[in-house]
Protein backbone atom coordinates (compact mmCIF):
# COMPACT_ATOMS: atom_id res chain seq x y z
CA MET A 1 -20.38 -0.20 -2.79
CA LYS A 2 -18.10 -1.90 -5.25
CA PRO A 3 -15.05 -3.60 -3.99
CA VAL A 4 -12.43 -1.68 -6.04
CA ILE A 5 -10.14 1.39 -5.74
CA PHE A 6 -10.04 3.51 -8.83
CA GLY A 7 -7.63 6.14 -10.03
CA ILE A 8 -8.47 9.54 -11.22
CA ALA A 9 -7.30 10.99 -14.56
CA GLY A 10 -6.23 14.66 -13.45
CA LEU A 11 -6.19 17.43 -11.17
CA ALA A 12 -9.90 17.59 -10.65
CA LEU A 13 -12.86 15.35 -11.42
CA THR A 14 -14.18 15.41 -15.02
CA PRO A 15 -17.88 15.34 -15.61
CA ASP A 16 -17.67 11.87 -16.96
CA GLU A 17 -15.73 10.58 -13.84
CA ARG A 18 -18.15 12.24 -11.48
CA ALA A 19 -21.17 10.44 -13.19
CA PHE A 20 -19.37 7.07 -13.32
CA PHE A 21 -18.11 7.04 -9.78
CA ALA A 22 -21.46 8.29 -8.39
CA ALA A 23 -23.19 5.25 -10.26
CA ALA A 24 -20.41 2.64 -9.54
CA GLU A 25 -19.66 3.54 -5.92
CA PRO A 26 -16.14 2.38 -5.70
CA ALA A 27 -14.80 1.69 -2.25
CA GLY A 28 -12.04 4.31 -2.59
CA TYR A 29 -9.51 6.17 -4.80
CA ILE A 30 -5.89 6.32 -5.34
CA LEU A 31 -3.77 9.50 -6.21
CA PHE A 32 -0.66 9.81 -8.30
CA LYS A 33 1.50 12.58 -9.33
CA ARG A 34 -0.88 13.49 -12.23
CA ASN A 35 -3.42 14.29 -9.53
CA ILE A 36 -0.98 16.43 -7.41
CA GLU A 37 -0.01 20.14 -8.01
CA THR A 38 -0.61 22.24 -4.86
CA ARG A 39 -1.96 21.82 -1.29
CA ALA A 40 -5.18 23.78 -2.04
CA GLN A 41 -5.75 21.68 -5.26
CA VAL A 42 -5.21 18.29 -3.62
CA ARG A 43 -7.54 19.35 -0.70
CA ALA A 44 -10.22 20.43 -3.21
CA LEU A 45 -9.72 16.95 -4.93
CA THR A 46 -10.26 14.89 -1.99
CA ASP A 47 -13.06 16.99 -0.60
CA SER A 48 -14.87 16.73 -3.88
CA LEU A 49 -14.49 12.82 -3.59
CA ARG A 50 -15.88 12.92 -0.06
CA ASP A 51 -18.77 15.11 -1.23
CA LEU A 52 -19.52 12.78 -4.06
CA THR A 53 -19.75 9.81 -1.68
CA GLY A 54 -20.93 11.23 1.40
CA ARG A 55 -18.43 9.10 3.18
CA ALA A 56 -16.17 11.19 5.85
CA ASP A 57 -14.21 8.10 6.15
CA LEU A 58 -13.56 7.59 2.45
CA PRO A 59 -10.26 5.62 1.72
CA ILE A 60 -8.12 7.96 -0.43
CA LEU A 61 -4.87 6.42 -1.07
CA ILE A 62 -1.30 7.43 -2.18
CA ASP A 63 2.01 5.60 -2.51
CA GLN A 64 4.18 7.93 -0.35
CA GLU A 65 7.00 5.61 0.92
CA GLY A 66 9.83 8.38 0.57
CA GLY A 67 12.81 7.98 -1.60
CA ARG A 68 12.04 6.87 -5.07
CA VAL A 69 8.37 6.21 -4.58
CA ALA A 70 6.76 9.69 -3.62
CA ARG A 71 3.79 11.25 -5.52
CA MET A 72 4.08 14.42 -3.37
CA GLY A 73 7.47 16.38 -3.45
CA PRO A 74 9.39 19.56 -3.62
CA PRO A 75 8.88 22.40 -3.97
CA GLU A 76 5.44 22.13 -2.43
CA TRP A 77 6.25 19.31 0.06
CA PRO A 78 9.43 18.17 1.62
CA ALA A 79 11.34 14.99 0.32
CA PHE A 80 11.38 12.13 2.61
CA PRO A 81 14.07 9.39 2.70
CA GLY A 82 13.52 5.75 1.45
CA GLY A 83 13.96 2.65 3.36
CA PRO A 84 17.68 2.20 2.83
CA ALA A 85 18.48 5.34 5.06
CA PHE A 86 16.72 3.67 7.91
CA ASP A 87 18.44 0.28 7.30
CA ALA A 88 21.94 2.09 7.39
CA LEU A 89 21.04 3.63 10.74
CA TYR A 90 19.70 0.43 12.02
CA GLN A 91 23.20 -1.08 11.45
CA LYS A 92 24.64 1.26 13.95
CA ALA A 93 21.78 2.08 16.29
CA PRO A 94 18.67 0.05 16.14
CA MET A 95 16.62 2.19 18.74
CA SER A 96 17.65 5.25 17.08
CA ALA A 97 16.52 4.03 13.61
CA ILE A 98 12.95 2.87 15.26
CA GLN A 99 12.55 6.34 16.64
CA ALA A 100 13.63 8.12 13.33
CA MET A 101 11.25 5.74 11.40
CA ARG A 102 8.41 6.58 13.79
CA ALA A 103 9.04 10.45 13.54
CA ASN A 104 9.27 9.94 9.71
CA GLY A 105 5.93 8.08 9.60
CA GLN A 106 4.17 10.71 11.79
CA ALA A 107 5.42 13.50 9.67
CA LEU A 108 4.30 11.74 6.55
CA GLY A 109 0.89 11.15 7.99
CA LEU A 110 0.46 14.87 9.06
CA MET A 111 1.44 15.95 5.42
CA LEU A 112 -1.12 13.53 3.93
CA SER A 113 -3.78 14.33 6.47
CA GLU A 114 -3.56 18.04 5.70
CA VAL A 115 -4.71 17.48 2.09
CA GLY A 116 -7.31 14.93 2.92
CA ILE A 117 -5.53 11.68 2.13
CA THR A 118 -6.45 9.03 4.48
CA VAL A 119 -4.34 5.81 3.55
CA ASP A 120 -0.68 5.50 2.70
CA CYS A 121 0.46 2.24 0.82
CA ALA A 122 3.63 1.93 3.23
CA PRO A 123 5.41 0.45 4.89
CA ILE A 124 7.06 -2.16 2.43
CA ILE A 125 8.09 -4.98 4.65
CA ASP A 126 9.50 -7.27 2.00
CA VAL A 127 12.74 -8.88 3.31
CA ALA A 128 15.73 -8.10 0.75
CA GLN A 129 17.62 -10.71 -0.77
CA PRO A 130 21.03 -10.48 -2.63
CA ASP A 131 19.37 -10.84 -5.93
CA THR A 132 16.07 -8.89 -5.23
CA THR A 133 14.97 -6.93 -8.11
CA GLU A 134 16.16 -3.25 -8.05
CA ALA A 135 12.53 -2.12 -8.21
CA ILE A 136 12.14 -3.46 -4.69
CA SER A 137 15.73 -3.55 -3.22
CA CYS A 138 16.05 0.26 -3.59
CA ARG A 139 12.98 0.71 -1.13
CA THR A 140 13.31 -2.10 1.47
CA TYR A 141 14.16 -1.74 5.21
CA GLY A 142 16.76 -4.50 5.11
CA SER A 143 17.54 -8.11 4.80
CA GLU A 144 16.99 -9.31 8.44
CA PRO A 145 13.24 -10.03 9.24
CA MET A 146 13.38 -8.80 12.83
CA GLN A 147 14.72 -5.37 11.53
CA VAL A 148 12.23 -5.11 8.88
CA ALA A 149 9.42 -5.82 11.14
CA ALA A 150 10.60 -3.25 13.70
CA LEU A 151 11.01 -0.48 11.23
CA GLY A 152 7.58 -1.44 9.54
CA ARG A 153 5.87 -1.25 12.92
CA ALA A 154 7.50 2.15 13.62
CA MET A 155 6.18 3.45 10.26
CA LEU A 156 2.69 2.08 10.90
CA ASP A 157 2.50 3.51 14.38
CA GLY A 158 3.81 7.00 13.05
CA LEU A 159 1.33 7.04 10.38
CA ALA A 160 -1.50 6.22 12.77
CA VAL A 161 -0.51 9.02 14.96
CA GLY A 162 -0.49 11.39 11.90
CA GLY A 163 -3.87 10.28 11.10
CA VAL A 164 -3.41 7.94 8.26
CA VAL A 165 -4.01 4.31 7.72
CA GLY A 166 -0.84 2.38 6.68
CA VAL A 167 -0.81 -0.61 4.38
CA VAL A 168 1.75 -3.51 4.68
CA LYS A 169 3.12 -4.82 1.34
CA HIS A 170 3.57 -6.85 -0.68
CA MET A 171 2.02 -10.13 0.78
CA PRO A 172 3.40 -12.70 1.14
CA GLY A 173 6.81 -11.24 0.33
CA HIS A 174 8.38 -9.60 -2.80
CA GLY A 175 12.02 -9.94 -1.78
CA ARG A 176 12.83 -13.12 -3.81
CA ALA A 177 11.48 -11.61 -7.06
CA ARG A 178 14.24 -11.21 -9.55
CA VAL A 179 12.08 -9.21 -12.23
CA ASP A 180 9.99 -6.27 -11.97
CA SER A 181 6.40 -7.21 -11.61
CA HIS A 182 5.39 -3.97 -13.36
CA HIS A 183 6.74 -5.54 -16.45
CA LEU A 184 7.10 -9.38 -15.96
CA LEU A 185 5.50 -12.03 -13.88
CA PRO A 186 8.17 -13.28 -11.15
CA THR A 187 8.34 -16.83 -10.14
CA VAL A 188 9.92 -17.96 -6.83
CA THR A 189 11.28 -21.49 -6.50
CA ALA A 190 12.22 -21.47 -2.88
CA ASP A 191 10.55 -23.97 -0.81
CA ALA A 192 8.30 -23.45 2.10
CA ALA A 193 10.88 -23.54 4.68
CA ALA A 194 13.03 -20.90 2.94
CA LEU A 195 10.05 -18.74 2.61
CA GLU A 196 9.40 -18.66 6.43
CA VAL A 197 11.96 -15.63 6.33
CA ASP A 198 9.74 -13.69 3.90
CA LEU A 199 6.61 -14.35 6.11
CA GLU A 200 8.11 -13.28 9.40
CA PRO A 201 7.60 -9.52 9.17
CA PHE A 202 4.16 -10.05 8.04
CA ARG A 203 3.49 -12.38 10.86
CA THR A 204 4.84 -10.01 13.30
CA LEU A 205 2.78 -7.16 11.88
CA ALA A 206 -0.42 -9.26 11.17
CA HIS A 207 -2.47 -6.84 13.21
CA ALA A 208 -1.93 -4.16 10.49
CA PRO A 209 -5.14 -2.66 9.26
CA MET A 210 -4.49 -2.91 5.44
CA GLY A 211 -2.32 -5.20 3.34
CA MET A 212 -1.47 -5.51 -0.19
CA THR A 213 -0.78 -8.64 -2.32
CA SER A 214 2.08 -9.40 -4.66
CA HIS A 215 1.78 -10.44 -8.29
CA ILE A 216 4.11 -13.30 -7.97
CA VAL A 217 4.03 -17.17 -8.44
CA PHE A 218 5.42 -19.08 -5.44
CA GLU A 219 5.91 -22.61 -6.57
CA ALA A 220 5.98 -23.96 -3.00
CA TRP A 221 2.15 -23.10 -2.68
CA ASP A 222 0.59 -22.63 -6.03
CA ARG A 223 2.52 -23.47 -9.17
CA GLU A 224 -0.13 -21.96 -11.57
CA ARG A 225 -1.36 -18.64 -10.11
CA PRO A 226 0.35 -15.69 -8.76
CA ALA A 227 -0.60 -14.68 -5.17
CA THR A 228 -3.13 -12.03 -6.03
CA LEU A 229 -5.16 -14.64 -7.91
CA SER A 230 -4.48 -17.73 -5.97
CA PRO A 231 -6.99 -18.81 -3.28
CA VAL A 232 -4.42 -21.21 -1.93
CA VAL A 233 -2.01 -18.49 -1.22
CA ILE A 234 -4.58 -16.01 0.25
CA ASP A 235 -6.34 -18.42 2.54
CA ARG A 236 -3.56 -20.91 3.50
CA VAL A 237 -0.73 -18.35 3.64
CA ILE A 238 -1.79 -14.70 4.16
CA ARG A 239 -4.95 -15.38 6.32
CA GLY A 240 -3.56 -18.92 7.64
CA ALA A 241 0.17 -19.03 8.17
CA ILE A 242 0.67 -15.35 8.46
CA GLY A 243 -2.73 -14.60 10.28
CA PHE A 244 -3.64 -11.51 8.59
CA ASP A 245 -7.19 -10.54 9.14
CA GLY A 246 -6.99 -6.96 8.00
CA LEU A 247 -8.31 -5.42 4.76
CA LEU A 248 -6.55 -7.22 1.74
CA MET A 249 -6.13 -5.24 -1.58
CA THR A 250 -4.50 -6.28 -4.73
CA ASP A 251 -1.28 -4.45 -6.13
CA ASP A 252 -2.31 -2.64 -9.09
CA ILE A 253 -3.99 -4.99 -11.42
CA ASP A 254 -2.71 -3.26 -14.57
CA MET A 255 0.68 -4.33 -13.75
CA LYS A 256 2.10 -6.48 -16.59
CA ALA A 257 2.79 -9.52 -14.25
CA LEU A 258 -0.97 -10.42 -14.61
CA SER A 259 -2.56 -11.34 -17.82
CA GLY A 260 -6.01 -11.07 -19.10
CA THR A 261 -8.67 -8.31 -19.34
CA ALA A 262 -9.24 -5.82 -16.53
CA GLY A 263 -12.64 -7.37 -15.80
CA ASP A 264 -11.26 -10.77 -15.64
CA LYS A 265 -8.31 -9.95 -13.45
CA ALA A 266 -10.48 -7.91 -11.04
CA ALA A 267 -13.09 -10.80 -10.71
CA GLY A 268 -10.24 -13.35 -10.31
CA ALA A 269 -8.83 -11.36 -7.55
CA ILE A 270 -12.01 -11.00 -5.66
CA ALA A 271 -12.90 -14.79 -6.31
CA ALA A 272 -9.56 -15.74 -4.82
CA GLY A 273 -10.11 -13.95 -1.45
CA CYS A 274 -8.87 -10.34 -1.88
CA ASP A 275 -11.31 -7.86 -0.34
CA LEU A 276 -10.60 -4.84 -2.77
CA VAL A 277 -8.94 -4.61 -6.42
CA LEU A 278 -6.53 -1.76 -6.90
CA ASP A 279 -6.88 -0.18 -10.48
CA CYS A 280 -4.69 2.82 -10.76
CA TRP A 281 -4.76 4.21 -14.28
CA ALA A 282 -8.19 5.93 -14.61
CA ARG A 283 -8.84 4.33 -18.08
CA MET A 284 -12.65 4.76 -18.36
CA ASP A 285 -13.29 1.69 -20.39
CA GLU A 286 -11.34 -0.60 -18.02
CA MET A 287 -13.02 0.95 -15.08
CA VAL A 288 -16.29 0.42 -16.56
CA ALA A 289 -15.42 -3.17 -17.40
CA ILE A 290 -14.26 -3.84 -13.84
CA ALA A 291 -17.50 -2.33 -12.29
CA ASP A 292 -19.66 -4.38 -14.70
CA ARG A 293 -17.74 -7.59 -13.42
CA LEU A 294 -17.91 -7.01 -9.73
CA GLY A 295 -20.77 -7.40 -7.41
CA PRO A 296 -21.24 -5.62 -4.09
CA ILE A 297 -18.55 -5.71 -1.56
CA GLY A 298 -18.81 -8.78 0.68
CA GLU A 299 -19.78 -8.39 4.26
CA ALA A 300 -16.47 -9.58 5.73
CA ALA A 301 -14.66 -7.15 3.36
CA ARG A 302 -16.79 -4.29 4.28
CA ALA A 303 -16.40 -5.04 7.98
CA ARG A 304 -12.49 -5.10 7.63
CA LEU A 305 -12.65 -1.81 5.54
CA ASP A 306 -14.71 -0.09 8.27
CA ARG A 307 -12.34 -1.47 10.92
CA ALA A 308 -9.41 -0.18 9.13
CA MET A 309 -10.63 3.23 8.53
CA ALA A 310 -11.67 3.53 12.19
CA SER A 311 -8.09 2.50 13.37
CA VAL A 312 -6.76 5.91 13.52
CA GLY A 313 -7.81 8.96 15.17
CA ALA A 314 -7.19 12.90 14.57
CA PRO A 315 -3.67 13.66 13.54
CA THR A 316 -1.38 15.13 16.04
CA GLY A 317 2.16 16.55 15.92
CA ASP A 318 4.27 19.26 14.05
CA VAL A 319 5.83 18.18 10.74
CA ALA A 320 8.87 20.49 11.02
CA GLU A 321 9.65 19.26 14.54
CA LEU A 322 9.28 15.66 13.63
CA ILE A 323 11.55 16.08 10.37
CA ALA A 324 14.17 17.71 12.59
CA ARG A 325 13.99 14.80 15.07
CA ARG A 326 14.21 12.20 12.21
CA ASP A 327 17.17 13.97 10.72
CA ALA A 328 19.05 14.18 14.02
CA PHE A 329 18.92 10.45 14.16
CA LEU A 330 19.76 9.62 10.62
CA ALA A 331 22.75 12.01 11.03
CA LEU A 332 24.13 9.45 13.35
CA ALA A 333 24.62 7.03 10.29
């Protein structure tokens, strides 16, 4: 097994993808809107991936936060609110916001489980700042670390009851980035004492089964390398100060914050201490280059992956009832 998660080009596997994936044995796959059409189609796609690998616990990921970040949506699936809706409710009724988020996460998990998706790249537990880039601020759970952690825990718990593994992101914090890492490399100049605010939600949720890195340079820790490629940040901050021992994956290595070839970035992330590389865009030449550069998944990384995938049981609950419960709470705001 290679320590990489690959994207897929379309609504079904192509013969070339099928042959390449069978040979490369990536650790998992990630779906986007280009892979989503109907319930039956998505279920057929995820079943084909499990059949190809022979792994019932195959990680099949999606970014389904709600709000702006939603790969599955109307008319086939219900729209889900983004983080700011729960932030607004928390200001008036914290316990109601937590219950609303737990119901929201459970409904999301059930929706994903139904079509064979096993991992949701949520919750986003970056602490918002006044100048946070809009790419992050429109998705966050607030600017107070305890609130962000409480809502993040509720989302993780709800997803798990819905049968889906959650991923906390973006370690060690994306809230101080002033530019969008999809396009540019952010640099954070805050000192280590100030950055304790950013670490707090991740430290509170250090038990999370999976986490995702941020493509950001933190001058307080490593002036030369973004977190994804920094052994200092991964070992001293994410594994050390935060205490996270779950499965650590990169954010998409195709984002423009990172420079170099796909193979170089993938190899650099694994060398820095990431467990898995996330490569989203299903470009065959880049996937081949990544597979060629990466050796087998490490023993510790495989153990974390297996532990994460075993952390949730069978999905339980009713989507319509959960959405009605969530919306009754959100109406209080």
